């Protein structure tokens, strides 16, 4: 009886404390959440308008880039807050149903939970203050938007726009264009070089392709040549015999100097001797005003530049979540689907910043808008990542970034797996595999033998198709089904 009364009193005390805390903080939480949401909408309006214009002012671009980063952070914090609140609501019934055991629970637990919510609330308030201040600072900048020409005139939904543009690289693209269009002063004879560095699959080739496609650059050079590091074992010979030509402009009246742009794509580093030979060959042959762009995963090529290098990094978690959420929910408002939003955020975090993964999984979720299917995808990905961590100490996405073999499972049959041993890219002119990776991992397609499967076909320049080479599906051996029982003195123990 004493235990029962203790449990009931403990439950009443806990509920009283929880009620008091919630009454004090609920209104404040709602106010901050509401104000932050409205500030994010205002920031979104400014950035959408800026995205639709060809802005060249570097200071304005920097200011917009800072606002964009803060907006991504704000959406990430707001969705995390809502995601956690939804989790707490789901767990509330379980806590109440175990009231007889609450006497054994430390009441400080609820104060700790309150402290955690207070910290999140303080972070939301900080983001709100920063965002509100930036929006006020942008008032004059918004007025100047009208002086820049529009890139498009018909309305676009944001998910369509983000799915067909280079996300998160506007600042870097304009800096590269500024370098290419820069006119050298009279008497300057150096051949200008721009290094672009960053890890594997970060978007260096995509950035260069977008820059080269820009009409300002396209009309500035008579030819744009693409070289890979295996093309110039002898630099002078490679130049004279011709390079792999990406595309060529017809000679325009505004480009009588026959300026050339040479893009050198390196897988790693290049020793000083090889670079000196390459640079000397181009310097003696290229017309005045020609430029070189060097891309590499190695930071060491920065020393070859005549200007500050562009360093690309993987998208921050906040920006990645904004991208993933936008293309996953499409024209649907994710705020009306809290359970789907919760799962999408968890799946986004498991992608580890992979843009290919974002495009594949988002299309899969969008085409199968069913809560049970989304739960199956989340459960499958959790197991997929956990197996990789326990076996290799790294996620499968980290292994893919390093071009290491990765074991993939199948959602339809957990006992089957296939090994991705090699990955490569195809140009838009090359034939691509018919079988897609989502058909093998999440569908019913069961290939046999060593085959190539299509990972993703990019919808933006350079329109690469990403392909995996994998071995046949293998059946995992059952473990622990039957074990030989040990025998002692010829007798099987029971």
Protein backbone atom coordinates (compact mmCIF):
# COMPACT_ATOMS: atom_id res chain seq x y z
CA UNK A 1 0.00 0.00 0.00
CA UNK A 2 2.82 2.36 0.90
CA UNK A 3 4.49 1.66 -2.45
CA UNK A 4 1.23 2.34 -4.28
CA UNK A 5 0.72 5.71 -2.50
CA UNK A 6 4.34 6.62 -3.14
CA UNK A 7 3.91 5.88 -6.83
CA UNK A 8 0.69 7.92 -7.05
CA UNK A 9 2.22 10.88 -5.19
CA UNK A 10 5.29 10.68 -7.39
CA UNK A 11 3.08 10.71 -10.49
CA UNK A 12 1.09 13.73 -9.22
CA UNK A 13 4.26 15.60 -8.30
CA UNK A 14 5.80 14.90 -11.68
CA UNK A 15 2.69 16.01 -13.54
CA UNK A 16 2.47 19.19 -11.46
CA UNK A 17 6.07 20.07 -12.19
CA UNK A 18 5.65 19.21 -15.85
CA UNK A 19 2.41 21.27 -16.05
CA UNK A 20 4.05 24.28 -14.38
CA UNK A 21 7.06 24.16 -16.68
CA UNK A 22 4.94 23.71 -19.79
CA UNK A 23 2.64 26.63 -18.88
CA UNK A 24 5.64 28.90 -18.37
CA UNK A 25 7.44 27.91 -21.54
CA UNK A 26 4.73 26.83 -23.98
CA UNK A 27 3.69 30.34 -25.00
CA UNK A 28 7.31 31.43 -25.36
CA UNK A 29 8.14 28.35 -27.46
CA UNK A 30 5.18 28.99 -29.73
CA UNK A 31 6.08 32.68 -30.12
CA UNK A 32 9.71 31.99 -31.02
CA UNK A 33 8.72 29.20 -33.41
CA UNK A 34 6.12 31.41 -35.11
CA UNK A 35 8.42 34.44 -35.40
CA UNK A 36 11.27 32.32 -36.76
CA UNK A 37 8.98 30.74 -39.36
CA UNK A 38 7.86 34.17 -40.59
CA UNK A 39 11.45 35.42 -40.72
CA UNK A 40 12.44 32.34 -42.74
CA UNK A 41 9.65 33.03 -45.23
CA UNK A 42 10.88 36.61 -45.66
CA UNK A 43 14.45 35.40 -46.17
CA UNK A 44 13.17 32.83 -48.68
CA UNK A 45 11.44 35.56 -50.70
CA UNK A 46 14.66 37.59 -50.89
CA UNK A 47 16.80 34.61 -51.92
CA UNK A 48 14.28 33.34 -54.48
CA UNK A 49 14.25 36.76 -56.10
CA UNK A 50 18.06 36.90 -56.06
CA UNK A 51 18.35 33.39 -57.53
CA UNK A 52 16.27 34.52 -60.50
CA UNK A 53 18.63 37.36 -61.38
CA UNK A 54 22.14 37.49 -62.81
CA UNK A 55 23.88 39.27 -59.93
CA UNK A 56 27.58 40.05 -60.47
CA UNK A 57 28.38 42.35 -57.54
CA UNK A 58 30.74 40.35 -55.31
CA UNK A 59 29.83 42.12 -52.05
CA UNK A 60 26.13 41.55 -52.74
CA UNK A 61 26.80 37.88 -53.49
CA UNK A 62 28.70 37.47 -50.22
CA UNK A 63 25.84 39.06 -48.29
CA UNK A 64 23.32 36.78 -50.00
CA UNK A 65 25.52 33.76 -49.30
CA UNK A 66 25.59 34.59 -45.58
CA UNK A 67 21.80 35.06 -45.55
CA UNK A 68 21.35 31.73 -47.36
CA UNK A 69 23.51 29.92 -44.80
CA UNK A 70 21.57 31.44 -41.90
CA UNK A 71 18.27 30.54 -43.56
CA UNK A 72 19.38 26.92 -43.96
CA UNK A 73 20.43 26.88 -40.31
CA UNK A 74 17.07 28.32 -39.29
CA UNK A 75 15.07 25.71 -41.18
CA UNK A 76 17.29 22.96 -39.79
CA UNK A 77 16.85 24.16 -36.20
CA UNK A 78 13.11 24.67 -36.60
CA UNK A 79 12.55 21.23 -38.14
CA UNK A 80 14.78 19.62 -35.48
CA UNK A 81 12.71 21.32 -32.76
CA UNK A 82 9.47 20.10 -34.33
CA UNK A 83 10.94 16.64 -34.93
CA UNK A 84 11.90 16.36 -31.26
CA UNK A 85 8.55 17.69 -30.09
CA UNK A 86 6.79 15.04 -32.19
CA UNK A 87 8.98 12.35 -30.65
CA UNK A 88 8.15 13.56 -27.15
CA UNK A 89 4.42 13.53 -27.90
CA UNK A 90 4.70 9.93 -29.15
CA UNK A 91 6.56 8.90 -26.00
CA UNK A 92 4.21 10.64 -23.55
CA UNK A 93 1.67 7.80 -23.44
CA UNK A 94 4.38 5.26 -22.71
CA UNK A 95 5.64 7.33 -19.78
CA UNK A 96 2.17 7.78 -18.27
CA UNK A 97 1.33 4.06 -18.64
CA UNK A 98 4.29 3.19 -16.43
CA UNK A 99 3.18 5.43 -13.55
CA UNK A 100 3.64 2.72 -10.91
CA UNK A 101 7.37 2.77 -11.61
CA UNK A 102 7.79 6.53 -11.54
CA UNK A 103 8.64 6.51 -7.86
CA UNK A 104 11.92 4.85 -8.81
CA UNK A 105 12.74 7.53 -11.41
CA UNK A 106 14.81 10.52 -10.47
CA UNK A 107 12.58 13.64 -10.68
CA UNK A 108 15.63 15.61 -11.88
CA UNK A 109 15.20 13.80 -15.20
CA UNK A 110 12.34 16.12 -16.03
CA UNK A 111 14.34 19.18 -15.12
CA UNK A 112 17.10 17.87 -17.43
CA UNK A 113 14.54 17.51 -20.22
CA UNK A 114 13.37 21.03 -19.49
CA UNK A 115 16.96 22.28 -19.61
CA UNK A 116 17.44 20.60 -22.99
CA UNK A 117 14.32 22.29 -24.34
CA UNK A 118 15.53 25.59 -22.92
CA UNK A 119 18.84 25.21 -24.75
CA UNK A 120 17.06 24.50 -28.04
CA UNK A 121 14.78 27.47 -27.42
CA UNK A 122 17.81 29.69 -26.86
CA UNK A 123 19.34 28.44 -30.12
CA UNK A 124 16.10 29.18 -31.97
CA UNK A 125 16.06 32.67 -30.49
CA UNK A 126 19.68 33.24 -31.54
CA UNK A 127 18.96 32.18 -35.12
CA UNK A 128 15.86 34.39 -35.14
CA UNK A 129 17.85 37.41 -33.95
CA UNK A 130 20.58 36.84 -36.56
CA UNK A 131 18.07 36.31 -39.35
CA UNK A 132 15.99 39.36 -38.42
CA UNK A 133 19.10 41.54 -38.34
CA UNK A 134 20.24 40.27 -41.75
CA UNK A 135 16.83 40.88 -43.31
CA UNK A 136 16.93 44.50 -42.12
CA UNK A 137 20.42 44.89 -43.57
CA UNK A 138 19.18 43.50 -46.91
CA UNK A 139 16.58 46.25 -47.47
CA UNK A 140 18.88 48.35 -49.66
CA UNK A 141 20.24 45.29 -51.46
CA UNK A 142 16.72 44.22 -52.44
CA UNK A 143 16.19 47.59 -54.14
CA UNK A 144 19.28 46.99 -56.28
CA UNK A 145 17.93 43.61 -57.48
CA UNK A 146 15.81 45.36 -60.10
CA UNK A 147 18.94 46.61 -61.88
CA UNK A 148 19.98 43.02 -62.75
CA UNK A 149 18.42 41.11 -65.64
CA UNK A 150 16.29 38.05 -64.95
CA UNK A 151 17.58 34.57 -65.73
CA UNK A 152 14.06 33.29 -66.32
CA UNK A 153 10.60 34.85 -66.51
CA UNK A 154 8.18 31.99 -66.03
CA UNK A 155 7.38 30.88 -62.46
CA UNK A 156 9.14 27.80 -61.14
CA UNK A 157 8.36 25.65 -58.13
CA UNK A 158 11.40 25.55 -55.86
CA UNK A 159 11.69 21.75 -56.00
CA UNK A 160 11.83 21.91 -59.81
CA UNK A 161 14.39 24.71 -59.70
CA UNK A 162 16.65 22.97 -57.18
CA UNK A 163 16.42 19.70 -59.09
CA UNK A 164 17.71 21.40 -62.23
CA UNK A 165 20.37 23.76 -60.94
CA UNK A 166 23.70 23.66 -59.14
CA UNK A 167 22.67 23.94 -55.50
CA UNK A 168 24.79 25.92 -53.06
CA UNK A 169 27.57 27.03 -55.46
CA UNK A 170 26.32 30.41 -56.72
CA UNK A 171 29.09 32.33 -54.97
CA UNK A 172 31.85 30.05 -56.27
CA UNK A 173 30.42 30.14 -59.81
CA UNK A 174 30.46 33.95 -59.93
CA UNK A 175 34.01 34.07 -58.58
CA UNK A 176 35.15 31.67 -61.32
CA UNK A 177 33.34 33.71 -63.98
CA UNK A 178 34.92 36.91 -62.69
CA UNK A 179 38.36 35.30 -63.03
CA UNK A 180 37.67 34.14 -66.59
CA UNK A 181 36.32 37.50 -67.78
CA UNK A 182 39.05 39.53 -66.10
CA UNK A 183 41.09 41.47 -68.66
CA UNK A 184 44.82 41.56 -68.12
CA UNK A 185 46.53 44.96 -68.15
CA UNK A 186 48.77 45.85 -71.07
CA UNK A 187 52.23 44.34 -70.74
CA UNK A 188 51.05 41.49 -68.46
CA UNK A 189 52.35 38.31 -70.07
CA UNK A 190 51.60 35.68 -67.39
CA UNK A 191 49.10 32.94 -68.16
CA UNK A 192 46.49 33.11 -65.41
CA UNK A 193 45.59 29.92 -63.54
CA UNK A 194 42.64 29.25 -61.20
CA UNK A 195 42.89 26.14 -58.97
CA UNK A 196 39.63 24.53 -57.81
CA UNK A 197 40.17 21.93 -55.09
CA UNK A 198 37.94 19.71 -52.99
CA UNK A 199 37.26 16.08 -52.02
CA UNK A 200 35.84 13.42 -54.31
CA UNK A 201 32.21 13.90 -55.47
CA UNK A 202 32.02 17.45 -54.13
CA UNK A 203 31.05 18.99 -57.48
CA UNK A 204 34.24 20.38 -59.06
CA UNK A 205 33.37 19.17 -62.57
CA UNK A 206 29.79 20.35 -62.13
CA UNK A 207 30.97 23.81 -61.15
CA UNK A 208 33.29 24.06 -64.16
CA UNK A 209 30.56 22.81 -66.50
CA UNK A 210 28.13 25.45 -65.28
CA UNK A 211 30.71 28.18 -65.57
CA UNK A 212 31.62 27.14 -69.11
CA UNK A 213 27.95 27.03 -70.07
CA UNK A 214 27.38 30.62 -68.92
CA UNK A 215 26.83 32.77 -72.03
CA UNK A 216 29.33 35.36 -70.79
CA UNK A 217 32.10 32.74 -70.70
CA UNK A 218 30.83 30.87 -73.73
CA UNK A 219 31.16 33.98 -75.90
CA UNK A 220 34.48 35.06 -74.41
CA UNK A 221 36.58 32.07 -75.56
CA UNK A 222 36.86 30.60 -79.03
CA UNK A 223 37.53 27.11 -77.67
CA UNK A 224 37.18 25.38 -74.33
CA UNK A 225 39.44 22.35 -74.00
CA UNK A 226 39.29 19.62 -71.38
CA UNK A 227 42.39 17.67 -70.32
CA UNK A 228 42.66 14.77 -67.89
CA UNK A 229 45.95 13.98 -66.14
CA UNK A 230 46.47 10.87 -68.31
CA UNK A 231 46.31 13.03 -71.47
CA UNK A 232 49.63 14.82 -70.98
CA UNK A 233 52.47 12.49 -70.16
CA UNK A 234 54.27 14.82 -72.55
CA UNK A 235 52.70 18.26 -72.18
CA UNK A 236 53.87 19.77 -75.44
CA UNK A 237 52.88 16.67 -77.41
CA UNK A 238 49.43 16.63 -75.83
CA UNK A 239 48.88 20.26 -76.74
CA UNK A 240 50.02 19.93 -80.35
CA UNK A 241 48.15 16.69 -81.05
CA UNK A 242 44.97 18.03 -79.50
CA UNK A 243 43.07 17.62 -76.27
CA UNK A 244 39.76 16.07 -75.41
CA UNK A 245 37.48 18.90 -76.55
CA UNK A 246 34.48 19.51 -74.38
CA UNK A 247 32.78 21.93 -76.72
CA UNK A 248 33.79 24.58 -79.22
CA UNK A 249 32.30 27.92 -80.11
CA UNK A 250 32.10 29.27 -83.57
CA UNK A 251 34.34 32.26 -83.92
CA UNK A 252 32.47 35.42 -82.95
CA UNK A 253 33.18 38.94 -84.05
CA UNK A 254 33.76 39.93 -80.44
CA UNK A 255 36.53 37.34 -80.01
CA UNK A 256 39.16 38.11 -82.60
CA UNK A 257 42.00 37.12 -80.27
CA UNK A 258 41.07 33.41 -80.37
CA UNK A 259 41.32 33.14 -76.60
CA UNK A 260 41.31 29.60 -75.25
CA UNK A 261 40.17 28.20 -71.94
CA UNK A 262 41.96 25.01 -70.85
CA UNK A 263 40.43 22.93 -68.05
CA UNK A 264 42.84 20.43 -66.50
CA UNK A 265 41.18 17.77 -64.35
CA UNK A 266 43.57 15.96 -62.00
CA UNK A 267 42.67 12.94 -59.91
CA UNK A 268 45.41 13.81 -57.38
CA UNK A 269 48.56 15.89 -57.26
CA UNK A 270 50.92 16.83 -60.09
CA UNK A 271 54.67 17.16 -59.50
CA UNK A 272 56.33 20.50 -60.13
CA UNK A 273 58.33 19.27 -63.11
CA UNK A 274 55.25 18.00 -64.98
CA UNK A 275 53.36 21.23 -64.21
CA UNK A 276 56.28 23.41 -65.37
CA UNK A 277 56.38 21.56 -68.70
CA UNK A 278 52.63 21.83 -69.12
CA UNK A 279 52.51 25.51 -68.17
CA UNK A 280 55.48 26.42 -70.41
CA UNK A 281 53.92 24.62 -73.38
CA UNK A 282 50.64 26.50 -72.98
CA UNK A 283 52.28 29.85 -72.25
CA UNK A 284 54.28 29.70 -75.49
CA UNK A 285 51.32 28.62 -77.65
CA UNK A 286 48.12 30.07 -76.22
CA UNK A 287 46.91 33.50 -77.44
CA UNK A 288 46.91 36.43 -75.03
CA UNK A 289 43.92 36.44 -72.70
CA UNK A 290 43.70 32.65 -72.50
CA UNK A 291 43.09 31.08 -69.06
CA UNK A 292 43.65 27.77 -67.27
CA UNK A 293 41.45 26.11 -64.64
CA UNK A 294 42.97 23.22 -62.66
CA UNK A 295 40.70 20.95 -60.60
CA UNK A 296 42.01 18.39 -58.13
CA UNK A 297 41.24 16.55 -54.90
CA UNK A 298 44.70 17.55 -53.61
CA UNK A 299 45.26 20.92 -51.93
CA UNK A 300 48.83 20.87 -53.24
CA UNK A 301 47.77 22.19 -56.67
CA UNK A 302 46.92 25.50 -55.00
CA UNK A 303 50.59 26.44 -55.47
CA UNK A 304 50.09 26.48 -59.26
CA UNK A 305 47.51 29.27 -59.12
CA UNK A 306 48.05 32.90 -60.07
CA UNK A 307 44.94 33.85 -58.06
CA UNK A 308 43.26 32.65 -54.89
CA UNK A 309 42.01 29.08 -55.22
CA UNK A 310 38.37 28.05 -54.88
CA UNK A 311 37.98 25.38 -52.20
CA UNK A 312 34.79 23.33 -52.37
CA UNK A 313 33.47 21.44 -49.37
CA UNK A 314 30.55 19.12 -48.91
CA UNK A 315 27.31 20.90 -48.07
CA UNK A 316 26.75 21.71 -44.38
CA UNK A 317 24.11 19.54 -42.70
CA UNK A 318 21.68 22.47 -42.62
CA UNK A 319 21.98 23.18 -46.37
CA UNK A 320 21.80 19.47 -47.21
CA UNK A 321 18.60 19.07 -45.20
CA UNK A 322 17.04 22.07 -46.99
CA UNK A 323 17.91 20.53 -50.36
CA UNK A 324 16.73 17.03 -49.41
CA UNK A 325 13.44 18.22 -47.89
CA UNK A 326 12.64 20.47 -50.86
CA UNK A 327 13.15 17.82 -53.56
CA UNK A 328 11.54 15.06 -51.46
CA UNK A 329 8.25 16.79 -50.67
CA UNK A 330 8.05 18.64 -53.98
CA UNK A 331 4.99 20.89 -54.15
CA UNK A 332 3.57 19.42 -50.92
CA UNK A 333 3.85 21.41 -47.71
CA UNK A 334 5.96 19.25 -45.33
CA UNK A 335 4.53 21.06 -42.28
CA UNK A 336 1.21 19.32 -42.88
CA UNK A 337 2.94 15.91 -42.70
CA UNK A 338 4.84 15.88 -39.36
CA UNK A 339 5.38 12.10 -39.31
CA UNK A 340 6.77 12.11 -42.87
CA UNK A 341 8.92 15.13 -41.99
CA UNK A 342 10.36 13.26 -39.01
CA UNK A 343 11.31 10.26 -41.13
CA UNK A 344 12.70 12.45 -43.91
CA UNK A 345 14.99 14.21 -41.45
CA UNK A 346 16.30 10.91 -40.10
CA UNK A 347 16.87 9.56 -43.63
CA UNK A 348 18.59 12.80 -44.63
CA UNK A 349 21.03 12.52 -41.73
CA UNK A 350 21.88 8.96 -42.71
CA UNK A 351 22.85 10.07 -46.25
CA UNK A 352 25.99 11.75 -44.88
CA UNK A 353 25.82 14.62 -47.38
CA UNK A 354 25.69 12.46 -50.52
CA UNK A 355 24.01 14.38 -53.35
CA UNK A 356 23.62 11.23 -55.42
CA UNK A 357 22.02 9.55 -52.43
CA UNK A 358 19.71 12.53 -51.92
CA UNK A 359 18.49 12.41 -55.51
CA UNK A 360 17.97 8.62 -55.49
CA UNK A 361 16.23 8.34 -52.12
CA UNK A 362 14.11 11.48 -52.55
CA UNK A 363 12.67 10.25 -55.86
CA UNK A 364 11.98 6.86 -54.26
CA UNK A 365 10.15 8.46 -51.30
CA UNK A 366 8.29 10.93 -53.51
CA UNK A 367 7.01 8.16 -55.80
CA UNK A 368 5.91 6.02 -52.82
CA UNK A 369 4.27 8.48 -50.45
CA UNK A 370 3.24 5.88 -47.91
CA UNK A 371 4.22 6.01 -44.25
CA UNK A 372 4.85 2.25 -44.05
CA UNK A 373 7.15 2.35 -47.06
CA UNK A 374 9.07 5.31 -45.63
CA UNK A 375 9.49 3.42 -42.34
CA UNK A 376 10.84 0.41 -44.25
CA UNK A 377 13.37 2.63 -46.05
CA UNK A 378 14.51 4.19 -42.76
CA UNK A 379 14.85 0.79 -41.08
CA UNK A 380 16.74 -0.66 -44.04
CA UNK A 381 19.19 2.27 -44.17
CA UNK A 382 19.82 2.03 -40.42
CA UNK A 383 20.79 -1.61 -40.76
CA UNK A 384 22.83 -0.94 -43.90
CA UNK A 385 24.89 1.74 -42.17
CA UNK A 386 25.23 -0.19 -38.91
CA UNK A 387 26.63 -3.25 -40.70
CA UNK A 388 29.21 -1.11 -42.47
CA UNK A 389 30.22 0.61 -39.24
CA UNK A 390 30.60 -2.66 -37.35
CA UNK A 391 32.62 -4.28 -40.16
CA UNK A 392 34.73 -1.39 -41.49
CA UNK A 393 34.40 1.35 -38.87
CA UNK A 394 33.05 3.71 -41.55
CA UNK A 395 29.72 4.39 -43.22
CA UNK A 396 29.16 3.06 -46.74
CA UNK A 397 29.07 6.66 -48.01
CA UNK A 398 32.55 7.30 -46.58
CA UNK A 399 33.80 4.16 -48.30
CA UNK A 400 32.28 5.27 -51.60
CA UNK A 401 33.94 8.69 -51.30
CA UNK A 402 37.27 6.83 -50.98
CA UNK A 403 36.51 4.57 -53.98
CA UNK A 404 36.61 1.49 -51.77
CA UNK A 405 34.44 -1.63 -52.27
CA UNK A 406 31.07 -1.52 -50.52
CA UNK A 407 28.65 -4.31 -49.66
CA UNK A 408 25.02 -3.47 -50.43
CA UNK A 409 22.04 -5.34 -49.07
CA UNK A 410 18.56 -5.76 -50.54
CA UNK A 411 15.41 -4.60 -48.78
CA UNK A 412 13.24 -7.32 -50.32
CA UNK A 413 15.48 -10.15 -49.13
CA UNK A 414 17.71 -9.39 -46.16
CA UNK A 415 19.75 -12.56 -46.74
CA UNK A 416 21.08 -11.29 -50.11
CA UNK A 417 23.88 -8.85 -50.83
CA UNK A 418 25.96 -7.59 -53.74
CA UNK A 419 29.38 -5.97 -53.85
CA UNK A 420 30.12 -2.66 -55.58
CA UNK A 421 33.77 -2.93 -56.61
CA UNK A 422 34.16 0.01 -58.97
CA UNK A 423 32.43 3.28 -59.83
CA UNK A 424 32.80 5.53 -62.83
CA UNK A 425 31.11 8.31 -64.79
CA UNK A 426 29.68 8.29 -68.33
CA UNK A 427 29.22 11.32 -70.56
CA UNK A 428 25.81 12.10 -72.03
CA UNK A 429 26.89 10.55 -75.37
CA UNK A 430 27.78 7.15 -73.89
CA UNK A 431 25.41 4.25 -73.47
CA UNK A 432 24.28 3.71 -69.89
CA UNK A 433 23.04 0.59 -68.07
CA UNK A 434 19.31 -0.15 -68.04
CA UNK A 435 19.22 -1.52 -64.49
CA UNK A 436 19.05 1.11 -61.72
CA UNK A 437 20.45 0.69 -58.23
CA UNK A 438 17.07 1.40 -56.63
CA UNK A 439 15.60 -1.49 -58.62
CA UNK A 440 18.19 -3.83 -57.10
CA UNK A 441 18.34 -2.46 -53.54
CA UNK A 442 14.67 -1.60 -53.02
CA UNK A 443 12.93 -3.43 -55.86
CA UNK A 444 12.60 -6.95 -57.23
CA UNK A 445 15.34 -6.94 -59.89
CA UNK A 446 17.87 -9.68 -59.20
CA UNK A 447 20.79 -9.52 -61.68
CA UNK A 448 23.20 -12.37 -62.25
CA UNK A 449 26.93 -12.22 -62.92
CA UNK A 450 29.17 -9.17 -62.95
CA UNK A 451 27.16 -6.22 -64.23
CA UNK A 452 27.01 -2.43 -64.37
CA UNK A 453 24.08 -0.68 -62.71
CA UNK A 454 23.02 2.95 -63.02
CA UNK A 455 23.34 4.96 -59.84
CA UNK A 456 22.09 8.35 -60.99
CA UNK A 457 21.68 10.30 -64.20
CA UNK A 458 22.32 13.98 -63.51
CA UNK A 459 19.90 16.51 -64.97
CA UNK A 460 22.44 19.35 -64.89
CA UNK A 461 25.76 19.94 -66.70
CA UNK A 462 28.01 18.08 -67.34
CA UNK A 463 25.10 15.57 -67.49
CA UNK A 464 27.17 12.70 -66.14
CA UNK A 465 25.66 9.29 -65.50
CA UNK A 466 27.14 7.63 -62.42
CA UNK A 467 27.61 3.88 -62.76
CA UNK A 468 28.54 1.11 -60.31
CA UNK A 469 30.21 -2.14 -61.32
CA UNK A 470 28.97 -4.89 -59.01
CA UNK A 471 29.22 -8.62 -58.60
CA UNK A 472 26.29 -11.01 -58.59
CA UNK A 473 23.87 -11.21 -55.71
CA UNK A 474 25.03 -13.66 -53.08
CA UNK A 475 23.08 -15.51 -50.43
CA UNK A 476 24.33 -14.80 -46.93
CA UNK A 477 25.19 -18.00 -45.07
CA UNK A 478 22.90 -18.74 -42.18
CA UNK A 479 24.72 -18.61 -38.88
CA UNK A 480 23.71 -20.27 -35.67
CA UNK A 481 20.98 -22.40 -37.27
CA UNK A 482 22.67 -25.67 -36.46
CA UNK A 483 25.67 -26.08 -34.25
CA UNK A 484 27.54 -29.22 -33.46
CA UNK A 485 27.03 -29.97 -29.82
CA UNK A 486 30.17 -30.79 -27.94
CA UNK A 487 30.58 -34.28 -26.54
CA UNK A 488 32.17 -35.20 -23.28
CA UNK A 489 33.27 -38.84 -22.88
CA UNK A 490 31.18 -39.75 -25.91
CA UNK A 491 27.99 -38.40 -24.29
CA UNK A 492 26.10 -35.42 -25.70
CA UNK A 493 25.24 -33.03 -22.85
CA UNK A 494 21.56 -32.20 -22.40
